[in-house]
């Protein structure tokens, strides 16, 4: 209960940084956990791709890692093309405006 009151008193910047850190930890742990299973399940298809590309037929192409990377860059590309996101009120962007009058 007391931790909620303490967190509420933190500045908005610390809340954002803490939220980003927690999100990064969750994504990192989930990717490490799921990619291991993914690599094992996609090994037969990876061997087929390696064989088709003229590589060693016993060595599997890391298809799970390639798909995870493509998915990441697809999301980043869509966010870039669709205008990204804004923080704060009234659609403030990440760019800082300089005051030329000072």
C-alpha atoms as a PDB file:
ATOM      1  CA  UNK A   1       0.000   0.000   0.000  1.00  0.00           C
ATOM      2  CA  UNK A   2       2.747   2.488   0.881  1.00  0.00           C
ATOM      3  CA  UNK A   3       4.594   1.790  -2.356  1.00  0.00           C
ATOM      4  CA  UNK A   4       1.630   3.111  -4.354  1.00  0.00           C
ATOM      5  CA  UNK A   5       1.831   6.428  -2.514  1.00  0.00           C
ATOM      6  CA  UNK A   6       5.611   6.556  -3.069  1.00  0.00           C
ATOM      7  CA  UNK A   7       5.238   5.790  -6.799  1.00  0.00           C
ATOM      8  CA  UNK A   8       2.545   8.460  -7.147  1.00  0.00           C
ATOM      9  CA  UNK A   9       4.998  11.066  -5.820  1.00  0.00           C
ATOM     10  CA  UNK A  10       7.650  10.283  -8.441  1.00  0.00           C
ATOM     11  CA  UNK A  11       8.127  12.667 -11.303  1.00  0.00           C
ATOM     12  CA  UNK A  12       6.526  11.846 -14.629  1.00  0.00           C
ATOM     13  CA  UNK A  13       9.955  11.278 -16.210  1.00  0.00           C
ATOM     14  CA  UNK A  14      10.880   8.599 -13.622  1.00  0.00           C
ATOM     15  CA  UNK A  15       7.541   6.891 -14.167  1.00  0.00           C
ATOM     16  CA  UNK A  16       8.174   6.779 -17.921  1.00  0.00           C
ATOM     17  CA  UNK A  17      11.697   5.422 -17.463  1.00  0.00           C
ATOM     18  CA  UNK A  18      10.513   2.781 -14.994  1.00  0.00           C
ATOM     19  CA  UNK A  19       7.730   1.740 -17.334  1.00  0.00           C
ATOM     20  CA  UNK A  20      10.148   1.455 -20.253  1.00  0.00           C
ATOM     21  CA  UNK A  21      12.575  -0.604 -18.149  1.00  0.00           C
ATOM     22  CA  UNK A  22       9.823  -2.987 -17.035  1.00  0.00           C
ATOM     23  CA  UNK A  23       8.579  -3.366 -20.612  1.00  0.00           C
ATOM     24  CA  UNK A  24      12.085  -4.070 -21.873  1.00  0.00           C
ATOM     25  CA  UNK A  25      12.646  -6.735 -19.227  1.00  0.00           C
ATOM     26  CA  UNK A  26       9.341  -8.438 -20.058  1.00  0.00           C
ATOM     27  CA  UNK A  27      10.016  -8.411 -23.796  1.00  0.00           C
ATOM     28  CA  UNK A  28      13.584  -9.662 -23.320  1.00  0.00           C
ATOM     29  CA  UNK A  29      12.562 -12.525 -21.048  1.00  0.00           C
ATOM     30  CA  UNK A  30       9.664 -13.562 -23.265  1.00  0.00           C
ATOM     31  CA  UNK A  31      11.798 -13.501 -26.416  1.00  0.00           C
ATOM     32  CA  UNK A  32      14.549 -15.556 -24.794  1.00  0.00           C
ATOM     33  CA  UNK A  33      11.995 -18.071 -23.571  1.00  0.00           C
ATOM     34  CA  UNK A  34       9.954 -18.360 -26.777  1.00  0.00           C
ATOM     35  CA  UNK A  35      12.774 -18.249 -29.323  1.00  0.00           C
ATOM     36  CA  UNK A  36      14.343 -21.420 -27.926  1.00  0.00           C
ATOM     37  CA  UNK A  37      11.106 -23.342 -28.484  1.00  0.00           C
ATOM     38  CA  UNK A  38      10.629 -21.663 -31.841  1.00  0.00           C
ATOM     39  CA  UNK A  39      14.085 -22.699 -33.077  1.00  0.00           C
ATOM     40  CA  UNK A  40      13.424 -26.342 -32.208  1.00  0.00           C
ATOM     41  CA  UNK A  41      10.015 -26.427 -33.919  1.00  0.00           C
ATOM     42  CA  UNK A  42      11.199 -24.708 -37.112  1.00  0.00           C
ATOM     43  CA  UNK A  43      14.371 -26.788 -37.510  1.00  0.00           C
ATOM     44  CA  UNK A  44      12.975 -29.061 -40.298  1.00  0.00           C
ATOM     45  CA  UNK A  45      11.900 -26.031 -42.342  1.00  0.00           C
ATOM     46  CA  UNK A  46      15.274 -24.396 -41.662  1.00  0.00           C
ATOM     47  CA  UNK A  47      17.072 -27.468 -43.001  1.00  0.00           C
ATOM     48  CA  UNK A  48      14.918 -27.335 -46.141  1.00  0.00           C
ATOM     49  CA  UNK A  49      15.800 -23.661 -46.671  1.00  0.00           C
ATOM     50  CA  UNK A  50      19.498 -24.329 -46.085  1.00  0.00           C
ATOM     51  CA  UNK A  51      19.392 -27.191 -48.584  1.00  0.00           C
ATOM     52  CA  UNK A  52      17.527 -25.051 -51.159  1.00  0.00           C
ATOM     53  CA  UNK A  53      20.115 -22.271 -50.822  1.00  0.00           C
ATOM     54  CA  UNK A  54      22.953 -24.700 -51.481  1.00  0.00           C
ATOM     55  CA  UNK A  55      24.173 -24.950 -47.907  1.00  0.00           C
ATOM     56  CA  UNK A  56      24.849 -27.948 -45.729  1.00  0.00           C
ATOM     57  CA  UNK A  57      21.600 -29.991 -45.574  1.00  0.00           C
ATOM     58  CA  UNK A  58      22.362 -31.048 -41.982  1.00  0.00           C
ATOM     59  CA  UNK A  59      22.735 -27.461 -40.766  1.00  0.00           C
ATOM     60  CA  UNK A  60      19.446 -25.629 -40.240  1.00  0.00           C
ATOM     61  CA  UNK A  61      18.888 -22.025 -41.279  1.00  0.00           C
ATOM     62  CA  UNK A  62      17.834 -20.039 -38.156  1.00  0.00           C
ATOM     63  CA  UNK A  63      14.306 -19.470 -39.455  1.00  0.00           C
ATOM     64  CA  UNK A  64      12.851 -18.608 -36.040  1.00  0.00           C
ATOM     65  CA  UNK A  65      15.381 -15.830 -35.483  1.00  0.00           C
ATOM     66  CA  UNK A  66      14.879 -14.514 -39.020  1.00  0.00           C
ATOM     67  CA  UNK A  67      11.096 -14.378 -38.548  1.00  0.00           C
ATOM     68  CA  UNK A  68      11.444 -12.628 -35.184  1.00  0.00           C
ATOM     69  CA  UNK A  69      13.759 -10.028 -36.741  1.00  0.00           C
ATOM     70  CA  UNK A  70      11.424  -9.495 -39.700  1.00  0.00           C
ATOM     71  CA  UNK A  71       8.482  -9.070 -37.334  1.00  0.00           C
ATOM     72  CA  UNK A  72      10.362  -6.485 -35.293  1.00  0.00           C
ATOM     73  CA  UNK A  73      11.362  -4.446 -38.329  1.00  0.00           C
ATOM     74  CA  UNK A  74       7.831  -4.721 -39.743  1.00  0.00           C
ATOM     75  CA  UNK A  75       6.416  -3.106 -36.601  1.00  0.00           C
ATOM     76  CA  UNK A  76       9.130  -0.405 -36.557  1.00  0.00           C
ATOM     77  CA  UNK A  77       8.518   0.324 -40.247  1.00  0.00           C
ATOM     78  CA  UNK A  78       4.753   0.555 -39.773  1.00  0.00           C
ATOM     79  CA  UNK A  79       5.184   2.902 -36.823  1.00  0.00           C
ATOM     80  CA  UNK A  80       7.497   5.086 -38.898  1.00  0.00           C
ATOM     81  CA  UNK A  81       5.166   5.128 -41.922  1.00  0.00           C
ATOM     82  CA  UNK A  82       2.045   5.795 -39.869  1.00  0.00           C
ATOM     83  CA  UNK A  83       3.536   8.755 -38.041  1.00  0.00           C
ATOM     84  CA  UNK A  84       4.807   7.259 -34.813  1.00  0.00           C
ATOM     85  CA  UNK A  85       3.242   8.343 -31.555  1.00  0.00           C
ATOM     86  CA  UNK A  86       2.952  11.420 -29.375  1.00  0.00           C
ATOM     87  CA  UNK A  87       3.369  11.912 -25.631  1.00  0.00           C
ATOM     88  CA  UNK A  88       1.769  14.394 -23.315  1.00  0.00           C
ATOM     89  CA  UNK A  89      -1.108  16.711 -23.968  1.00  0.00           C
ATOM     90  CA  UNK A  90      -2.093  18.251 -27.274  1.00  0.00           C
ATOM     91  CA  UNK A  91      -0.001  15.828 -29.364  1.00  0.00           C
ATOM     92  CA  UNK A  92       3.434  16.926 -28.222  1.00  0.00           C
ATOM     93  CA  UNK A  93       6.129  15.164 -30.214  1.00  0.00           C
ATOM     94  CA  UNK A  94       9.644  14.092 -29.255  1.00  0.00           C
ATOM     95  CA  UNK A  95      11.231  17.140 -30.845  1.00  0.00           C
ATOM     96  CA  UNK A  96      12.095  20.089 -28.658  1.00  0.00           C
ATOM     97  CA  UNK A  97      11.159  23.557 -29.727  1.00  0.00           C
ATOM     98  CA  UNK A  98      13.753  26.216 -29.159  1.00  0.00           C
ATOM     99  CA  UNK A  99      12.736  29.664 -28.056  1.00  0.00           C
ATOM    100  CA  UNK A 100      14.459  32.139 -30.352  1.00  0.00           C
ATOM    101  CA  UNK A 101      13.397  35.171 -28.309  1.00  0.00           C
ATOM    102  CA  UNK A 102      15.782  34.438 -25.401  1.00  0.00           C
END
